[in-house]
Amino acid sequence: MPRLVDHQERRRAIIETTWRLIAGQGIENASMRDIARECGYAAPGVLAHYFPNKDALLLASYELICERTNERIAAGTKGRRGLAALRSMCLEIIPADPLTVVEARVAVSFWQRAQTEDALRAVGRDALLHWRGLMMEFLTQAEHDGECAPLGDPDAVADELLNIMMGLHVTSMLDPDTVTGSRQRHLVERALGRLALEAAQA
């Protein structure tokens, strides 16, 4: 009896193979033929059952990275609020462990293409807006709970944290020996610590 194919599982396996190739050799050098070969298919035509072209595969790959990050954020912040939730969220976004390092390499590759491809840019923008919204919520909670001093410009605080995390994606790719996972976590803690210190001094 032939084995039933789990198309969702196969689709995800193709995407994860795409991640590995992009992380290892760059987005432009990862051809559909290379991806098919890595997936164990003799010809790239098999991929067309799931993705009509490379652009569609890349878009799905970027979407899945954002979805996985959001799933980790939801799990890490469950039952937490204020600065504790904000800390958990930030630590899930930065590329500080082997899994998120691979995701960051792929994401940075997508950012370059997103300059000229509206669909990729929309995915990235939606992720940033979602994260910014969560930050604003957690900052409001922290202010209400007295964990930080009254925030005169909470938008600026959220933007600063968001840009720290996005900057760490870039600097950790360029200088991984210096911008290590522990260094990234330290920088996030330092930024959040300033908020708590302001509350203690108020």
N, C-alpha and C. Protein backbone atom coordinates (compact mmCIF):
# COMPACT_ATOMS: atom_id res chain seq x y z
N MET A 1 0.85 -1.19 0.00
CA MET A 1 0.00 0.00 0.00
C MET A 1 0.89 1.25 0.00
N PRO A 2 0.68 2.17 -0.94
CA PRO A 2 1.54 3.35 -1.01
C PRO A 2 1.38 4.24 0.22
N ARG A 3 2.48 4.85 0.60
CA ARG A 3 2.47 5.72 1.77
C ARG A 3 1.77 7.03 1.44
N LEU A 4 0.86 7.44 2.30
CA LEU A 4 0.17 8.70 2.10
C LEU A 4 1.14 9.85 2.34
N VAL A 5 1.09 10.82 1.46
CA VAL A 5 2.00 11.96 1.55
C VAL A 5 1.37 13.06 2.38
N ASP A 6 2.09 13.52 3.38
CA ASP A 6 1.66 14.67 4.17
C ASP A 6 2.20 15.91 3.45
N HIS A 7 1.35 16.55 2.68
CA HIS A 7 1.81 17.66 1.84
C HIS A 7 2.27 18.84 2.67
N GLN A 8 1.63 19.08 3.80
CA GLN A 8 2.05 20.19 4.66
C GLN A 8 3.44 19.93 5.22
N GLU A 9 3.67 18.67 5.60
CA GLU A 9 4.99 18.29 6.13
C GLU A 9 6.05 18.42 5.05
N ARG A 10 5.72 17.98 3.84
CA ARG A 10 6.68 18.06 2.74
C ARG A 10 6.96 19.52 2.39
N ARG A 11 5.93 20.34 2.41
CA ARG A 11 6.09 21.76 2.10
C ARG A 11 7.04 22.41 3.10
N ARG A 12 6.85 22.11 4.36
CA ARG A 12 7.72 22.67 5.40
C ARG A 12 9.14 22.15 5.25
N ALA A 13 9.30 20.88 4.89
CA ALA A 13 10.64 20.31 4.70
C ALA A 13 11.36 21.02 3.56
N ILE A 14 10.64 21.35 2.51
CA ILE A 14 11.24 22.09 1.39
C ILE A 14 11.70 23.47 1.86
N ILE A 15 10.87 24.13 2.64
CA ILE A 15 11.22 25.46 3.14
C ILE A 15 12.45 25.39 4.03
N GLU A 16 12.50 24.40 4.93
CA GLU A 16 13.63 24.29 5.84
C GLU A 16 14.92 23.96 5.08
N THR A 17 14.81 23.19 4.01
CA THR A 17 15.98 22.94 3.17
C THR A 17 16.43 24.23 2.50
N THR A 18 15.47 25.03 2.08
CA THR A 18 15.78 26.33 1.48
C THR A 18 16.53 27.21 2.46
N TRP A 19 16.10 27.20 3.72
CA TRP A 19 16.80 27.98 4.76
C TRP A 19 18.27 27.57 4.83
N ARG A 20 18.51 26.26 4.89
CA ARG A 20 19.88 25.79 5.05
C ARG A 20 20.75 26.22 3.88
N LEU A 21 20.21 26.13 2.68
CA LEU A 21 20.99 26.52 1.51
C LEU A 21 21.26 28.02 1.49
N ILE A 22 20.26 28.81 1.82
CA ILE A 22 20.45 30.26 1.84
C ILE A 22 21.46 30.64 2.91
N ALA A 23 21.34 30.04 4.09
CA ALA A 23 22.27 30.33 5.17
C ALA A 23 23.70 29.96 4.80
N GLY A 24 23.85 28.89 4.00
CA GLY A 24 25.18 28.41 3.66
C GLY A 24 25.80 29.06 2.44
N GLN A 25 24.98 29.41 1.44
CA GLN A 25 25.56 29.91 0.20
C GLN A 25 24.90 31.17 -0.35
N GLY A 26 23.96 31.74 0.37
CA GLY A 26 23.36 33.00 -0.08
C GLY A 26 22.09 32.78 -0.88
N ILE A 27 21.26 33.80 -0.87
CA ILE A 27 19.94 33.67 -1.47
C ILE A 27 20.00 33.56 -2.99
N GLU A 28 20.94 34.26 -3.61
CA GLU A 28 21.03 34.24 -5.08
C GLU A 28 21.62 32.93 -5.58
N ASN A 29 22.44 32.27 -4.77
CA ASN A 29 23.10 31.04 -5.20
C ASN A 29 22.29 29.78 -4.90
N ALA A 30 21.17 29.94 -4.21
CA ALA A 30 20.32 28.78 -3.91
C ALA A 30 19.30 28.62 -5.03
N SER A 31 19.61 27.78 -5.99
CA SER A 31 18.73 27.58 -7.14
C SER A 31 17.66 26.53 -6.83
N MET A 32 16.60 26.52 -7.62
CA MET A 32 15.56 25.52 -7.45
C MET A 32 16.12 24.12 -7.66
N ARG A 33 17.07 23.99 -8.56
CA ARG A 33 17.70 22.68 -8.79
C ARG A 33 18.47 22.22 -7.55
N ASP A 34 19.21 23.17 -6.94
CA ASP A 34 19.96 22.84 -5.73
C ASP A 34 19.01 22.43 -4.59
N ILE A 35 17.92 23.18 -4.47
CA ILE A 35 16.95 22.89 -3.40
C ILE A 35 16.33 21.53 -3.62
N ALA A 36 15.94 21.24 -4.87
CA ALA A 36 15.35 19.94 -5.19
C ALA A 36 16.32 18.81 -4.87
N ARG A 37 17.58 19.00 -5.23
CA ARG A 37 18.59 17.96 -4.99
C ARG A 37 18.75 17.72 -3.49
N GLU A 38 18.81 18.81 -2.70
CA GLU A 38 18.95 18.67 -1.26
C GLU A 38 17.74 17.99 -0.63
N CYS A 39 16.58 18.16 -1.26
CA CYS A 39 15.36 17.52 -0.77
C CYS A 39 15.26 16.05 -1.20
N GLY A 40 16.18 15.63 -2.08
CA GLY A 40 16.16 14.24 -2.53
C GLY A 40 15.36 14.01 -3.79
N TYR A 41 15.04 15.11 -4.52
CA TYR A 41 14.28 14.97 -5.77
C TYR A 41 15.24 15.05 -6.95
N ALA A 42 14.96 14.26 -7.97
CA ALA A 42 15.83 14.20 -9.14
C ALA A 42 15.76 15.47 -9.98
N ALA A 43 14.61 16.13 -9.98
CA ALA A 43 14.44 17.31 -10.82
C ALA A 43 13.65 18.37 -10.06
N PRO A 44 13.88 19.65 -10.37
CA PRO A 44 13.19 20.73 -9.65
C PRO A 44 11.70 20.80 -9.92
N GLY A 45 11.22 20.09 -10.95
CA GLY A 45 9.80 20.13 -11.28
C GLY A 45 8.91 19.68 -10.13
N VAL A 46 9.43 18.81 -9.27
CA VAL A 46 8.65 18.33 -8.13
C VAL A 46 8.26 19.49 -7.22
N LEU A 47 9.15 20.47 -7.11
CA LEU A 47 8.88 21.61 -6.24
C LEU A 47 7.69 22.43 -6.72
N ALA A 48 7.42 22.37 -8.02
CA ALA A 48 6.33 23.17 -8.58
C ALA A 48 4.97 22.74 -8.06
N HIS A 49 4.87 21.53 -7.52
CA HIS A 49 3.61 21.08 -6.91
C HIS A 49 3.29 21.90 -5.65
N TYR A 50 4.33 22.50 -5.07
CA TYR A 50 4.17 23.25 -3.83
C TYR A 50 4.43 24.75 -4.01
N PHE A 51 5.38 25.07 -4.89
CA PHE A 51 5.74 26.47 -5.12
C PHE A 51 5.94 26.68 -6.62
N PRO A 52 5.17 27.56 -7.25
CA PRO A 52 5.26 27.72 -8.71
C PRO A 52 6.60 28.24 -9.21
N ASN A 53 7.33 28.96 -8.35
CA ASN A 53 8.63 29.50 -8.76
C ASN A 53 9.45 29.82 -7.52
N LYS A 54 10.67 30.26 -7.75
CA LYS A 54 11.57 30.54 -6.63
C LYS A 54 11.05 31.69 -5.77
N ASP A 55 10.47 32.70 -6.38
CA ASP A 55 9.95 33.84 -5.61
C ASP A 55 8.88 33.38 -4.62
N ALA A 56 8.01 32.49 -5.05
CA ALA A 56 6.96 31.98 -4.17
C ALA A 56 7.56 31.18 -3.02
N LEU A 57 8.59 30.40 -3.31
CA LEU A 57 9.26 29.63 -2.27
C LEU A 57 9.96 30.55 -1.27
N LEU A 58 10.61 31.58 -1.77
CA LEU A 58 11.29 32.52 -0.88
C LEU A 58 10.29 33.25 0.00
N LEU A 59 9.17 33.64 -0.58
CA LEU A 59 8.15 34.33 0.20
C LEU A 59 7.62 33.43 1.32
N ALA A 60 7.33 32.17 0.99
CA ALA A 60 6.84 31.23 1.99
C ALA A 60 7.90 30.98 3.07
N SER A 61 9.16 30.98 2.68
CA SER A 61 10.25 30.77 3.64
C SER A 61 10.33 31.92 4.63
N TYR A 62 10.21 33.12 4.11
CA TYR A 62 10.27 34.31 4.98
C TYR A 62 9.06 34.35 5.91
N GLU A 63 7.89 34.02 5.38
CA GLU A 63 6.67 33.98 6.19
C GLU A 63 6.80 32.98 7.34
N LEU A 64 7.39 31.81 7.05
CA LEU A 64 7.51 30.79 8.09
C LEU A 64 8.47 31.22 9.18
N ILE A 65 9.55 31.91 8.82
CA ILE A 65 10.48 32.41 9.82
C ILE A 65 9.75 33.36 10.77
N CYS A 66 8.97 34.27 10.20
CA CYS A 66 8.22 35.23 11.04
C CYS A 66 7.19 34.51 11.91
N GLU A 67 6.53 33.50 11.33
CA GLU A 67 5.54 32.74 12.10
C GLU A 67 6.19 32.01 13.26
N ARG A 68 7.32 31.40 13.01
CA ARG A 68 8.02 30.66 14.08
C ARG A 68 8.48 31.60 15.18
N THR A 69 8.97 32.77 14.79
CA THR A 69 9.39 33.74 15.79
C THR A 69 8.20 34.17 16.64
N ASN A 70 7.07 34.42 15.99
CA ASN A 70 5.87 34.82 16.73
C ASN A 70 5.37 33.71 17.65
N GLU A 71 5.50 32.47 17.22
CA GLU A 71 5.11 31.34 18.08
C GLU A 71 5.98 31.29 19.33
N ARG A 72 7.29 31.51 19.14
CA ARG A 72 8.20 31.50 20.29
C ARG A 72 7.90 32.67 21.24
N ILE A 73 7.60 33.81 20.66
CA ILE A 73 7.26 34.98 21.48
C ILE A 73 6.01 34.70 22.30
N ALA A 74 4.99 34.14 21.65
CA ALA A 74 3.73 33.84 22.35
C ALA A 74 3.96 32.86 23.49
N ALA A 75 4.79 31.84 23.25
CA ALA A 75 5.07 30.85 24.29
C ALA A 75 5.91 31.47 25.42
N GLY A 76 6.88 32.31 25.05
CA GLY A 76 7.78 32.88 26.05
C GLY A 76 7.14 33.95 26.91
N THR A 77 6.12 34.62 26.38
CA THR A 77 5.48 35.70 27.14
C THR A 77 4.20 35.26 27.82
N LYS A 78 3.78 34.02 27.58
CA LYS A 78 2.55 33.53 28.19
C LYS A 78 2.65 33.58 29.72
N GLY A 79 1.66 34.21 30.35
CA GLY A 79 1.65 34.32 31.80
C GLY A 79 2.54 35.41 32.34
N ARG A 80 3.21 36.17 31.46
CA ARG A 80 4.07 37.26 31.91
C ARG A 80 3.49 38.60 31.44
N ARG A 81 3.94 39.66 32.08
CA ARG A 81 3.52 40.99 31.68
C ARG A 81 4.64 41.98 31.98
N GLY A 82 4.50 43.19 31.52
CA GLY A 82 5.47 44.22 31.81
C GLY A 82 6.87 43.91 31.33
N LEU A 83 7.86 44.26 32.14
CA LEU A 83 9.25 44.08 31.75
C LEU A 83 9.63 42.61 31.58
N ALA A 84 9.02 41.72 32.35
CA ALA A 84 9.32 40.29 32.21
C ALA A 84 8.89 39.80 30.83
N ALA A 85 7.71 40.21 30.39
CA ALA A 85 7.23 39.82 29.06
C ALA A 85 8.08 40.46 27.98
N LEU A 86 8.45 41.73 28.18
CA LEU A 86 9.27 42.43 27.20
C LEU A 86 10.63 41.77 27.06
N ARG A 87 11.20 41.38 28.18
CA ARG A 87 12.50 40.69 28.16
C ARG A 87 12.41 39.36 27.39
N SER A 88 11.38 38.58 27.69
CA SER A 88 11.21 37.29 27.00
C SER A 88 11.05 37.50 25.50
N MET A 89 10.29 38.51 25.13
CA MET A 89 10.07 38.79 23.72
C MET A 89 11.38 39.15 23.01
N CYS A 90 12.13 40.07 23.61
CA CYS A 90 13.39 40.50 22.99
C CYS A 90 14.36 39.33 22.83
N LEU A 91 14.42 38.48 23.84
CA LEU A 91 15.36 37.36 23.79
C LEU A 91 14.95 36.30 22.77
N GLU A 92 13.68 36.28 22.37
CA GLU A 92 13.24 35.35 21.34
C GLU A 92 13.56 35.87 19.95
N ILE A 93 13.69 37.18 19.80
CA ILE A 93 13.90 37.76 18.47
C ILE A 93 15.37 37.78 18.09
N ILE A 94 16.26 38.07 19.03
CA ILE A 94 17.68 38.19 18.68
C ILE A 94 18.26 36.83 18.27
N PRO A 95 19.26 36.82 17.37
CA PRO A 95 19.86 35.57 16.92
C PRO A 95 20.96 35.09 17.86
N ALA A 96 20.53 34.56 19.02
CA ALA A 96 21.49 34.23 20.08
C ALA A 96 21.70 32.74 20.29
N ASP A 97 21.08 31.88 19.47
CA ASP A 97 21.30 30.44 19.58
C ASP A 97 21.36 29.86 18.17
N PRO A 98 21.78 28.60 18.02
CA PRO A 98 21.98 28.05 16.67
C PRO A 98 20.76 28.17 15.75
N LEU A 99 19.56 27.92 16.26
CA LEU A 99 18.37 28.00 15.42
C LEU A 99 18.13 29.41 14.93
N THR A 100 18.16 30.38 15.84
CA THR A 100 17.87 31.75 15.44
C THR A 100 19.00 32.37 14.62
N VAL A 101 20.22 31.84 14.75
CA VAL A 101 21.32 32.30 13.90
C VAL A 101 21.03 31.95 12.45
N VAL A 102 20.59 30.71 12.21
CA VAL A 102 20.24 30.30 10.84
C VAL A 102 19.10 31.16 10.32
N GLU A 103 18.08 31.35 11.14
CA GLU A 103 16.94 32.16 10.72
C GLU A 103 17.37 33.59 10.41
N ALA A 104 18.30 34.13 11.21
CA ALA A 104 18.76 35.50 10.99
C ALA A 104 19.54 35.61 9.69
N ARG A 105 20.37 34.63 9.39
CA ARG A 105 21.11 34.65 8.12
C ARG A 105 20.15 34.70 6.94
N VAL A 106 19.10 33.92 7.04
CA VAL A 106 18.11 33.89 5.97
C VAL A 106 17.34 35.21 5.93
N ALA A 107 16.93 35.70 7.10
CA ALA A 107 16.16 36.95 7.15
C ALA A 107 16.96 38.11 6.58
N VAL A 108 18.24 38.21 6.92
CA VAL A 108 19.07 39.29 6.40
C VAL A 108 19.15 39.22 4.88
N SER A 109 19.22 38.02 4.34
CA SER A 109 19.22 37.86 2.88
C SER A 109 17.91 38.37 2.28
N PHE A 110 16.81 38.09 2.96
CA PHE A 110 15.52 38.55 2.48
C PHE A 110 15.40 40.07 2.53
N TRP A 111 16.00 40.67 3.54
CA TRP A 111 15.90 42.13 3.67
C TRP A 111 16.48 42.83 2.45
N GLN A 112 17.54 42.27 1.90
CA GLN A 112 18.14 42.88 0.71
C GLN A 112 17.16 42.83 -0.46
N ARG A 113 16.53 41.70 -0.67
CA ARG A 113 15.56 41.58 -1.76
C ARG A 113 14.30 42.38 -1.49
N ALA A 114 13.98 42.58 -0.22
CA ALA A 114 12.76 43.31 0.15
C ALA A 114 12.80 44.77 -0.29
N GLN A 115 14.00 45.28 -0.59
CA GLN A 115 14.10 46.65 -1.07
C GLN A 115 13.36 46.84 -2.39
N THR A 116 13.28 45.79 -3.17
CA THR A 116 12.66 45.90 -4.50
C THR A 116 11.46 44.97 -4.70
N GLU A 117 11.17 44.11 -3.70
CA GLU A 117 10.06 43.17 -3.84
C GLU A 117 9.01 43.48 -2.77
N ASP A 118 7.86 43.96 -3.24
CA ASP A 118 6.81 44.43 -2.33
C ASP A 118 6.31 43.33 -1.40
N ALA A 119 6.18 42.10 -1.92
CA ALA A 119 5.62 41.02 -1.10
C ALA A 119 6.52 40.71 0.09
N LEU A 120 7.82 40.64 -0.15
CA LEU A 120 8.77 40.39 0.94
C LEU A 120 8.78 41.55 1.92
N ARG A 121 8.74 42.76 1.40
CA ARG A 121 8.76 43.92 2.28
C ARG A 121 7.51 43.95 3.17
N ALA A 122 6.38 43.54 2.61
CA ALA A 122 5.13 43.52 3.38
C ALA A 122 5.21 42.53 4.53
N VAL A 123 5.81 41.37 4.29
CA VAL A 123 5.96 40.37 5.36
C VAL A 123 6.83 40.92 6.49
N GLY A 124 7.96 41.51 6.12
CA GLY A 124 8.84 42.08 7.12
C GLY A 124 8.20 43.23 7.88
N ARG A 125 7.50 44.09 7.15
CA ARG A 125 6.84 45.23 7.80
C ARG A 125 5.76 44.77 8.77
N ASP A 126 4.98 43.76 8.38
CA ASP A 126 3.93 43.25 9.26
C ASP A 126 4.53 42.66 10.54
N ALA A 127 5.66 41.97 10.40
CA ALA A 127 6.31 41.40 11.59
C ALA A 127 6.76 42.52 12.53
N LEU A 128 7.39 43.56 11.96
CA LEU A 128 7.85 44.67 12.79
C LEU A 128 6.69 45.38 13.49
N LEU A 129 5.60 45.59 12.77
CA LEU A 129 4.43 46.24 13.36
C LEU A 129 3.83 45.41 14.49
N HIS A 130 3.82 44.08 14.28
CA HIS A 130 3.30 43.18 15.32
C HIS A 130 4.18 43.26 16.57
N TRP A 131 5.49 43.20 16.37
CA TRP A 131 6.41 43.24 17.51
C TRP A 131 6.33 44.59 18.21
N ARG A 132 6.22 45.64 17.45
CA ARG A 132 6.13 46.99 18.04
C ARG A 132 4.85 47.11 18.87
N GLY A 133 3.77 46.56 18.37
CA GLY A 133 2.51 46.59 19.11
C GLY A 133 2.62 45.86 20.44
N LEU A 134 3.27 44.70 20.43
CA LEU A 134 3.48 43.96 21.67
C LEU A 134 4.34 44.75 22.64
N MET A 135 5.39 45.36 22.12
CA MET A 135 6.27 46.16 22.98
C MET A 135 5.50 47.29 23.65
N MET A 136 4.67 47.96 22.88
CA MET A 136 3.90 49.07 23.45
C MET A 136 2.97 48.56 24.56
N GLU A 137 2.38 47.39 24.34
CA GLU A 137 1.51 46.80 25.35
C GLU A 137 2.28 46.47 26.63
N PHE A 138 3.45 45.85 26.48
CA PHE A 138 4.25 45.48 27.64
C PHE A 138 4.80 46.71 28.36
N LEU A 139 5.16 47.74 27.61
CA LEU A 139 5.64 48.98 28.23
C LEU A 139 4.52 49.66 29.02
N THR A 140 3.31 49.64 28.50
CA THR A 140 2.17 50.20 29.22
C THR A 140 1.95 49.46 30.53
N GLN A 141 2.07 48.13 30.48
CA GLN A 141 1.93 47.33 31.69
C GLN A 141 3.02 47.65 32.69
N ALA A 142 4.26 47.78 32.22
CA ALA A 142 5.38 48.08 33.10
C ALA A 142 5.20 49.43 33.78
N GLU A 143 4.72 50.39 33.02
CA GLU A 143 4.48 51.72 33.58
C GLU A 143 3.36 51.67 34.62
N HIS A 144 2.29 50.93 34.30
CA HIS A 144 1.16 50.81 35.22
C HIS A 144 1.58 50.12 36.51
N ASP A 145 2.45 49.10 36.41
CA ASP A 145 2.87 48.31 37.57
C ASP A 145 4.00 48.97 38.35
N GLY A 146 4.46 50.12 37.89
CA GLY A 146 5.54 50.80 38.58
C GLY A 146 6.91 50.21 38.35
N GLU A 147 7.05 49.40 37.31
CA GLU A 147 8.35 48.80 37.00
C GLU A 147 9.28 49.79 36.32
N CYS A 148 8.73 50.84 35.75
CA CYS A 148 9.53 51.87 35.12
C CYS A 148 8.90 53.22 35.41
N ALA A 149 9.68 54.27 35.29
CA ALA A 149 9.17 55.62 35.49
C ALA A 149 8.18 55.95 34.37
N PRO A 150 7.31 56.94 34.58
CA PRO A 150 6.39 57.34 33.51
C PRO A 150 7.14 57.61 32.20
N LEU A 151 6.67 57.00 31.14
CA LEU A 151 7.34 57.10 29.85
C LEU A 151 6.82 58.31 29.08
N GLY A 152 7.66 59.31 28.94
CA GLY A 152 7.23 60.49 28.21
C GLY A 152 7.02 60.21 26.74
N ASP A 153 7.82 59.27 26.21
CA ASP A 153 7.72 58.95 24.78
C ASP A 153 7.86 57.44 24.60
N PRO A 154 6.81 56.66 24.93
CA PRO A 154 6.91 55.20 24.82
C PRO A 154 7.18 54.73 23.40
N ASP A 155 6.73 55.50 22.40
CA ASP A 155 7.00 55.13 21.01
C ASP A 155 8.51 55.09 20.75
N ALA A 156 9.22 56.08 21.30
CA ALA A 156 10.67 56.13 21.12
C ALA A 156 11.35 54.96 21.81
N VAL A 157 10.85 54.58 23.00
CA VAL A 157 11.42 53.44 23.72
C VAL A 157 11.24 52.17 22.91
N ALA A 158 10.04 51.96 22.38
CA ALA A 158 9.77 50.76 21.57
C ALA A 158 10.64 50.77 20.31
N ASP A 159 10.75 51.92 19.67
CA ASP A 159 11.57 52.00 18.45
C ASP A 159 13.04 51.73 18.75
N GLU A 160 13.51 52.22 19.89
CA GLU A 160 14.90 51.99 20.26
C GLU A 160 15.16 50.49 20.47
N LEU A 161 14.28 49.83 21.22
CA LEU A 161 14.45 48.40 21.46
C LEU A 161 14.38 47.61 20.16
N LEU A 162 13.44 47.96 19.30
CA LEU A 162 13.27 47.25 18.04
C LEU A 162 14.51 47.41 17.17
N ASN A 163 15.07 48.61 17.14
CA ASN A 163 16.26 48.84 16.32
C ASN A 163 17.49 48.19 16.91
N ILE A 164 17.55 48.06 18.23
CA ILE A 164 18.64 47.30 18.84
C ILE A 164 18.60 45.86 18.36
N MET A 165 17.42 45.26 18.38
CA MET A 165 17.30 43.85 17.99
C MET A 165 17.57 43.65 16.51
N MET A 166 17.08 44.55 15.67
CA MET A 166 17.34 44.42 14.24
C MET A 166 18.81 44.68 13.94
N GLY A 167 19.40 45.63 14.66
CA GLY A 167 20.83 45.88 14.48
C GLY A 167 21.68 44.69 14.87
N LEU A 168 21.25 43.97 15.91
CA LEU A 168 22.00 42.79 16.34
C LEU A 168 21.97 41.69 15.28
N HIS A 169 20.89 41.64 14.50
CA HIS A 169 20.85 40.68 13.40
C HIS A 169 22.00 40.96 12.42
N VAL A 170 22.21 42.22 12.13
CA VAL A 170 23.23 42.59 11.15
C VAL A 170 24.63 42.44 11.74
N THR A 171 24.86 43.02 12.92
CA THR A 171 26.22 42.99 13.48
C THR A 171 26.66 41.58 13.86
N SER A 172 25.71 40.73 14.27
CA SER A 172 26.09 39.35 14.61
C SER A 172 26.44 38.55 13.37
N MET A 173 25.90 38.94 12.21
CA MET A 173 26.26 38.27 10.96
C MET A 173 27.65 38.74 10.49
N LEU A 174 27.94 40.02 10.69
CA LEU A 174 29.20 40.58 10.23
C LEU A 174 30.37 40.22 11.14
N ASP A 175 30.11 40.14 12.45
CA ASP A 175 31.18 39.88 13.42
C ASP A 175 30.70 38.91 14.49
N PRO A 176 30.46 37.65 14.11
CA PRO A 176 29.90 36.68 15.07
C PRO A 176 30.81 36.37 16.24
N ASP A 177 32.12 36.54 16.08
CA ASP A 177 33.04 36.25 17.18
C ASP A 177 32.92 37.28 18.29
N THR A 178 32.53 38.50 17.94
CA THR A 178 32.37 39.56 18.95
C THR A 178 30.93 39.65 19.43
N VAL A 179 30.00 39.67 18.47
CA VAL A 179 28.59 39.82 18.82
C VAL A 179 27.99 38.42 19.02
N THR A 180 28.43 37.79 20.08
CA THR A 180 27.98 36.42 20.39
C THR A 180 26.59 36.44 20.99
N GLY A 181 26.03 35.25 21.21
CA GLY A 181 24.73 35.16 21.84
C GLY A 181 24.72 35.79 23.22
N SER A 182 25.77 35.53 24.01
CA SER A 182 25.82 36.09 25.35
C SER A 182 25.96 37.61 25.31
N ARG A 183 26.72 38.11 24.34
CA ARG A 183 26.87 39.56 24.20
C ARG A 183 25.53 40.20 23.82
N GLN A 184 24.80 39.57 22.94
CA GLN A 184 23.48 40.09 22.55
C GLN A 184 22.53 40.12 23.75
N ARG A 185 22.52 39.04 24.51
CA ARG A 185 21.64 39.00 25.68
C ARG A 185 22.02 40.10 26.68
N HIS A 186 23.32 40.33 26.82
CA HIS A 186 23.79 41.38 27.73
C HIS A 186 23.29 42.75 27.27
N LEU A 187 23.34 43.02 25.97
CA LEU A 187 22.91 44.31 25.45
C LEU A 187 21.41 44.51 25.63
N VAL A 188 20.64 43.43 25.45
CA VAL A 188 19.19 43.52 25.68
C VAL A 188 18.92 43.81 27.16
N GLU A 189 19.60 43.07 28.05
CA GLU A 189 19.42 43.28 29.49
C GLU A 189 19.82 44.70 29.89
N ARG A 190 20.86 45.20 29.27
CA ARG A 190 21.33 46.56 29.57
C ARG A 190 20.27 47.59 29.20
N ALA A 191 19.66 47.42 28.02
CA ALA A 191 18.63 48.35 27.57
C ALA A 191 17.40 48.29 28.48
N LEU A 192 17.00 47.09 28.86
CA LEU A 192 15.84 46.95 29.74
C LEU A 192 16.17 47.41 31.16
N GLY A 193 17.41 47.20 31.57
CA GLY A 193 17.83 47.61 32.90
C GLY A 193 17.73 49.11 33.08
N ARG A 194 17.96 49.87 32.01
CA ARG A 194 17.85 51.32 32.11
C ARG A 194 16.42 51.74 32.46
N LEU A 195 15.43 51.01 31.93
CA LEU A 195 14.04 51.33 32.26
C LEU A 195 13.77 51.09 33.74
N ALA A 196 14.24 49.96 34.27
CA ALA A 196 14.02 49.65 35.67
C ALA A 196 14.77 50.61 36.57
N LEU A 197 15.98 51.03 36.17
CA LEU A 197 16.78 51.95 36.96
C LEU A 197 16.09 53.30 37.07
N GLU A 198 15.47 53.74 35.97
CA GLU A 198 14.77 55.02 35.98
C GLU A 198 13.61 54.96 36.99
N ALA A 199 12.97 53.79 37.10
CA ALA A 199 11.89 53.66 38.07
C ALA A 199 12.41 53.77 39.49
N ALA A 200 13.58 53.15 39.74
CA ALA A 200 14.16 53.16 41.09
C ALA A 200 14.60 54.56 41.49
N GLN A 201 14.99 55.37 40.50
CA GLN A 201 15.47 56.73 40.80
C GLN A 201 14.34 57.74 40.89
N ALA A 202 13.16 57.33 40.39
CA ALA A 202 12.03 58.28 40.36
C ALA A 202 11.52 58.55 41.78
